[in-house]
Amino acid sequence: MEYRIIKSPSSGTLDILFRRKGSSSTIPIEHYGAVGLVQGRLIDMVFAADIAEKAAGVVVEDIKGHCPQNLIMIAIFGDTASVEAAIQEIRYKFNEAKTGEIR
């Protein structure tokens, strides 16, 4: 899995993401100071989306693309602290699942 956080995303970057979203948002996306991008296998991205939304006040969207390795990407929209907390929790939970360690 790969992770990136874009703080204060430019309007061009947001335009790219919104054009590549799979469908209209069911939750309005407003007042975001950061976008977290996570790429991986479908099963992992569904798990990561659930973790992110439970961990912080963020909105997660599926980002469509063409990847020969069948990887997908999710975008996590929110204020900077919430996006960072969501990414940190995703990393922790995946490490926990891999190693069997529990907090």
N, C-alpha and C. Protein backbone atom coordinates (compact mmCIF):
# COMPACT_ATOMS: atom_id res chain seq x y z
N MET A 1 0.83 -1.16 0.00
CA MET A 1 0.00 0.00 0.00
C MET A 1 0.89 1.24 0.00
N GLU A 2 0.43 2.26 -0.71
CA GLU A 2 1.16 3.52 -0.72
C GLU A 2 0.27 4.62 -0.17
N TYR A 3 0.88 5.59 0.52
CA TYR A 3 0.17 6.69 1.15
C TYR A 3 0.81 8.01 0.77
N ARG A 4 -0.01 9.02 0.59
CA ARG A 4 0.48 10.39 0.40
C ARG A 4 -0.54 11.33 1.03
N ILE A 5 -0.07 12.43 1.58
CA ILE A 5 -0.95 13.48 2.09
C ILE A 5 -0.60 14.76 1.34
N ILE A 6 -1.61 15.40 0.80
CA ILE A 6 -1.44 16.69 0.13
C ILE A 6 -2.08 17.73 1.03
N LYS A 7 -1.26 18.60 1.60
CA LYS A 7 -1.77 19.68 2.45
C LYS A 7 -2.08 20.88 1.56
N SER A 8 -3.19 21.54 1.82
CA SER A 8 -3.64 22.69 1.02
C SER A 8 -3.58 22.38 -0.47
N PRO A 9 -4.37 21.37 -0.92
CA PRO A 9 -4.30 20.98 -2.33
C PRO A 9 -4.68 22.13 -3.27
N SER A 10 -3.99 22.20 -4.39
CA SER A 10 -4.27 23.25 -5.38
C SER A 10 -5.60 22.97 -6.06
N SER A 11 -6.16 23.99 -6.69
CA SER A 11 -7.44 23.81 -7.38
C SER A 11 -7.30 22.82 -8.54
N GLY A 12 -6.14 22.80 -9.19
CA GLY A 12 -5.92 21.84 -10.28
C GLY A 12 -5.89 20.41 -9.78
N THR A 13 -5.26 20.20 -8.62
CA THR A 13 -5.22 18.87 -8.03
C THR A 13 -6.62 18.41 -7.65
N LEU A 14 -7.38 19.29 -7.03
CA LEU A 14 -8.76 18.95 -6.66
C LEU A 14 -9.60 18.66 -7.89
N ASP A 15 -9.38 19.42 -8.96
CA ASP A 15 -10.11 19.19 -10.21
C ASP A 15 -9.83 17.79 -10.75
N ILE A 16 -8.57 17.37 -10.73
CA ILE A 16 -8.21 16.02 -11.18
C ILE A 16 -8.95 14.97 -10.35
N LEU A 17 -8.92 15.13 -9.03
CA LEU A 17 -9.57 14.15 -8.15
C LEU A 17 -11.08 14.11 -8.36
N PHE A 18 -11.71 15.27 -8.44
CA PHE A 18 -13.17 15.30 -8.59
C PHE A 18 -13.60 14.75 -9.95
N ARG A 19 -12.79 14.94 -11.00
CA ARG A 19 -13.12 14.35 -12.30
C ARG A 19 -12.99 12.83 -12.29
N ARG A 20 -12.13 12.30 -11.43
CA ARG A 20 -11.88 10.86 -11.40
C ARG A 20 -12.69 10.13 -10.35
N LYS A 21 -13.51 10.86 -9.60
CA LYS A 21 -14.36 10.20 -8.60
C LYS A 21 -15.34 9.27 -9.32
N GLY A 22 -15.66 8.18 -8.66
CA GLY A 22 -16.55 7.20 -9.26
C GLY A 22 -17.98 7.67 -9.45
N SER A 23 -18.49 8.46 -8.53
CA SER A 23 -19.87 8.93 -8.60
C SER A 23 -20.01 10.17 -7.75
N SER A 24 -21.22 10.72 -7.73
CA SER A 24 -21.45 11.90 -6.89
C SER A 24 -21.32 11.52 -5.43
N SER A 25 -20.90 12.46 -4.64
CA SER A 25 -20.76 12.22 -3.21
C SER A 25 -22.13 12.19 -2.56
N THR A 26 -22.30 11.24 -1.66
CA THR A 26 -23.53 11.22 -0.88
C THR A 26 -23.41 12.17 0.30
N ILE A 27 -22.18 12.49 0.67
CA ILE A 27 -21.90 13.44 1.75
C ILE A 27 -21.19 14.63 1.11
N PRO A 28 -21.68 15.84 1.35
CA PRO A 28 -20.99 16.99 0.74
C PRO A 28 -19.55 17.11 1.24
N ILE A 29 -18.66 17.39 0.33
CA ILE A 29 -17.25 17.56 0.69
C ILE A 29 -16.97 19.06 0.71
N GLU A 30 -16.79 19.59 1.91
CA GLU A 30 -16.55 21.02 2.07
C GLU A 30 -15.45 21.23 3.10
N HIS A 31 -14.81 22.36 3.03
CA HIS A 31 -13.84 22.79 4.04
C HIS A 31 -12.75 21.76 4.30
N TYR A 32 -12.05 21.38 3.28
CA TYR A 32 -10.96 20.44 3.48
C TYR A 32 -9.65 21.18 3.31
N GLY A 33 -8.72 20.88 4.20
CA GLY A 33 -7.40 21.49 4.13
C GLY A 33 -6.36 20.51 3.65
N ALA A 34 -6.78 19.24 3.49
CA ALA A 34 -5.84 18.22 3.05
C ALA A 34 -6.58 17.09 2.36
N VAL A 35 -5.83 16.36 1.55
CA VAL A 35 -6.34 15.15 0.91
C VAL A 35 -5.32 14.05 1.14
N GLY A 36 -5.77 12.93 1.69
CA GLY A 36 -4.92 11.77 1.84
C GLY A 36 -5.20 10.81 0.69
N LEU A 37 -4.18 10.32 0.07
CA LEU A 37 -4.33 9.36 -1.03
C LEU A 37 -3.75 8.02 -0.57
N VAL A 38 -4.53 6.97 -0.75
CA VAL A 38 -4.09 5.63 -0.37
C VAL A 38 -4.37 4.72 -1.56
N GLN A 39 -3.38 3.95 -1.96
CA GLN A 39 -3.53 3.06 -3.12
C GLN A 39 -3.18 1.64 -2.71
N GLY A 40 -4.00 0.71 -3.16
CA GLY A 40 -3.74 -0.70 -2.86
C GLY A 40 -4.80 -1.59 -3.48
N ARG A 41 -4.88 -2.81 -2.97
CA ARG A 41 -5.87 -3.77 -3.47
C ARG A 41 -7.27 -3.39 -2.99
N LEU A 42 -8.28 -3.79 -3.74
CA LEU A 42 -9.66 -3.43 -3.43
C LEU A 42 -10.05 -3.79 -2.00
N ILE A 43 -9.75 -5.00 -1.57
CA ILE A 43 -10.13 -5.44 -0.23
C ILE A 43 -9.48 -4.53 0.83
N ASP A 44 -8.23 -4.15 0.60
CA ASP A 44 -7.53 -3.28 1.54
C ASP A 44 -8.10 -1.86 1.53
N MET A 45 -8.51 -1.37 0.36
CA MET A 45 -9.03 0.00 0.28
C MET A 45 -10.41 0.12 0.94
N VAL A 46 -11.23 -0.91 0.85
CA VAL A 46 -12.52 -0.89 1.55
C VAL A 46 -12.26 -0.89 3.06
N PHE A 47 -11.34 -1.72 3.51
CA PHE A 47 -10.97 -1.76 4.93
C PHE A 47 -10.39 -0.42 5.37
N ALA A 48 -9.52 0.17 4.55
CA ALA A 48 -8.90 1.46 4.88
C ALA A 48 -9.94 2.57 4.94
N ALA A 49 -10.90 2.56 4.03
CA ALA A 49 -11.95 3.59 4.03
C ALA A 49 -12.75 3.52 5.32
N ASP A 50 -13.08 2.32 5.75
CA ASP A 50 -13.83 2.14 7.00
C ASP A 50 -13.04 2.64 8.19
N ILE A 51 -11.76 2.31 8.24
CA ILE A 51 -10.89 2.76 9.33
C ILE A 51 -10.83 4.29 9.36
N ALA A 52 -10.62 4.91 8.19
CA ALA A 52 -10.47 6.36 8.11
C ALA A 52 -11.72 7.08 8.60
N GLU A 53 -12.88 6.63 8.13
CA GLU A 53 -14.11 7.31 8.52
C GLU A 53 -14.42 7.14 10.00
N LYS A 54 -14.05 6.01 10.58
CA LYS A 54 -14.28 5.79 12.01
C LYS A 54 -13.27 6.53 12.87
N ALA A 55 -12.07 6.77 12.34
CA ALA A 55 -10.99 7.37 13.13
C ALA A 55 -11.09 8.88 13.23
N ALA A 56 -11.62 9.52 12.21
CA ALA A 56 -11.59 10.99 12.18
C ALA A 56 -12.76 11.50 11.33
N GLY A 57 -13.06 12.77 11.47
CA GLY A 57 -14.15 13.39 10.71
C GLY A 57 -13.74 13.67 9.28
N VAL A 58 -13.62 12.61 8.48
CA VAL A 58 -13.19 12.73 7.09
C VAL A 58 -14.24 12.13 6.16
N VAL A 59 -14.14 12.46 4.89
CA VAL A 59 -14.98 11.87 3.85
C VAL A 59 -14.05 11.10 2.93
N VAL A 60 -14.40 9.86 2.63
CA VAL A 60 -13.57 9.01 1.77
C VAL A 60 -14.30 8.79 0.44
N GLU A 61 -13.57 8.96 -0.65
CA GLU A 61 -14.10 8.77 -1.99
C GLU A 61 -13.22 7.81 -2.78
N ASP A 62 -13.85 7.01 -3.61
CA ASP A 62 -13.15 6.11 -4.53
C ASP A 62 -12.69 6.94 -5.73
N ILE A 63 -11.44 6.78 -6.12
CA ILE A 63 -10.89 7.50 -7.27
C ILE A 63 -10.63 6.49 -8.38
N LYS A 64 -11.28 6.70 -9.51
CA LYS A 64 -11.16 5.78 -10.64
C LYS A 64 -9.85 5.99 -11.38
N GLY A 65 -9.31 4.91 -11.90
CA GLY A 65 -8.07 5.00 -12.66
C GLY A 65 -7.86 3.74 -13.47
N HIS A 66 -6.79 3.71 -14.19
CA HIS A 66 -6.44 2.56 -15.02
C HIS A 66 -5.08 2.05 -14.56
N CYS A 67 -5.11 0.94 -13.86
CA CYS A 67 -3.87 0.41 -13.31
C CYS A 67 -3.73 -1.05 -13.74
N PRO A 68 -2.68 -1.39 -14.46
CA PRO A 68 -2.51 -2.77 -14.91
C PRO A 68 -2.35 -3.76 -13.76
N GLN A 69 -1.97 -3.29 -12.58
CA GLN A 69 -1.81 -4.18 -11.44
C GLN A 69 -3.11 -4.33 -10.64
N ASN A 70 -4.21 -3.75 -11.15
CA ASN A 70 -5.52 -3.81 -10.50
C ASN A 70 -5.53 -3.18 -9.11
N LEU A 71 -4.74 -2.14 -8.93
CA LEU A 71 -4.77 -1.39 -7.69
C LEU A 71 -5.81 -0.29 -7.81
N ILE A 72 -6.39 0.10 -6.70
CA ILE A 72 -7.32 1.22 -6.72
C ILE A 72 -6.84 2.27 -5.73
N MET A 73 -7.46 3.45 -5.79
CA MET A 73 -7.05 4.53 -4.90
C MET A 73 -8.28 5.13 -4.24
N ILE A 74 -8.12 5.50 -2.98
CA ILE A 74 -9.14 6.26 -2.28
C ILE A 74 -8.55 7.61 -1.92
N ALA A 75 -9.42 8.62 -1.85
CA ALA A 75 -9.01 9.95 -1.41
C ALA A 75 -9.74 10.24 -0.11
N ILE A 76 -9.01 10.72 0.86
CA ILE A 76 -9.55 11.04 2.18
C ILE A 76 -9.54 12.56 2.31
N PHE A 77 -10.72 13.17 2.34
CA PHE A 77 -10.86 14.62 2.41
C PHE A 77 -11.17 15.05 3.83
N GLY A 78 -10.52 16.12 4.29
CA GLY A 78 -10.80 16.66 5.61
C GLY A 78 -9.79 17.73 5.97
N ASP A 79 -9.87 18.19 7.22
CA ASP A 79 -8.85 19.15 7.67
C ASP A 79 -7.54 18.36 7.85
N THR A 80 -6.44 19.07 7.88
CA THR A 80 -5.13 18.44 7.90
C THR A 80 -4.97 17.46 9.06
N ALA A 81 -5.35 17.86 10.26
CA ALA A 81 -5.18 16.99 11.42
C ALA A 81 -6.02 15.71 11.29
N SER A 82 -7.23 15.84 10.78
CA SER A 82 -8.10 14.66 10.62
C SER A 82 -7.57 13.70 9.57
N VAL A 83 -7.08 14.24 8.45
CA VAL A 83 -6.52 13.38 7.40
C VAL A 83 -5.27 12.68 7.92
N GLU A 84 -4.40 13.41 8.62
CA GLU A 84 -3.21 12.78 9.18
C GLU A 84 -3.58 11.69 10.19
N ALA A 85 -4.59 11.95 11.03
CA ALA A 85 -5.03 10.95 12.01
C ALA A 85 -5.61 9.72 11.31
N ALA A 86 -6.36 9.93 10.24
CA ALA A 86 -6.94 8.81 9.50
C ALA A 86 -5.85 7.95 8.87
N ILE A 87 -4.86 8.58 8.24
CA ILE A 87 -3.75 7.83 7.62
C ILE A 87 -2.97 7.08 8.68
N GLN A 88 -2.71 7.72 9.80
CA GLN A 88 -1.97 7.06 10.89
C GLN A 88 -2.75 5.84 11.40
N GLU A 89 -4.05 5.97 11.54
CA GLU A 89 -4.86 4.85 12.03
C GLU A 89 -4.89 3.71 11.01
N ILE A 90 -4.97 4.05 9.73
CA ILE A 90 -4.92 3.02 8.67
C ILE A 90 -3.60 2.25 8.77
N ARG A 91 -2.51 2.96 8.86
CA ARG A 91 -1.20 2.30 8.97
C ARG A 91 -1.13 1.41 10.20
N TYR A 92 -1.63 1.92 11.32
CA TYR A 92 -1.60 1.15 12.56
C TYR A 92 -2.44 -0.12 12.44
N LYS A 93 -3.65 0.02 11.94
CA LYS A 93 -4.56 -1.14 11.86
C LYS A 93 -4.04 -2.19 10.89
N PHE A 94 -3.44 -1.77 9.78
CA PHE A 94 -2.88 -2.74 8.85
C PHE A 94 -1.68 -3.44 9.46
N ASN A 95 -0.85 -2.72 10.19
CA ASN A 95 0.29 -3.33 10.87
C ASN A 95 -0.22 -4.30 11.94
N GLU A 96 -1.23 -3.88 12.67
CA GLU A 96 -1.83 -4.73 13.70
C GLU A 96 -2.38 -6.03 13.09
N ALA A 97 -3.06 -5.91 11.95
CA ALA A 97 -3.62 -7.09 11.29
C ALA A 97 -2.51 -8.01 10.78
N LYS A 98 -1.40 -7.41 10.33
CA LYS A 98 -0.29 -8.22 9.79
C LYS A 98 0.49 -8.92 10.89
N THR A 99 0.71 -8.23 12.00
CA THR A 99 1.54 -8.80 13.07
C THR A 99 0.75 -9.48 14.15
N GLY A 100 -0.56 -9.22 14.21
CA GLY A 100 -1.38 -9.82 15.26
C GLY A 100 -1.32 -9.06 16.57
N GLU A 101 -0.62 -7.92 16.58
CA GLU A 101 -0.52 -7.11 17.80
C GLU A 101 -1.81 -6.35 18.02
N ILE A 102 -2.19 -6.19 19.26
CA ILE A 102 -3.39 -5.45 19.61
C ILE A 102 -3.01 -4.33 20.56
N ARG A 103 -3.61 -3.17 20.34
CA ARG A 103 -3.35 -2.00 21.18
C ARG A 103 -3.80 -2.21 22.57
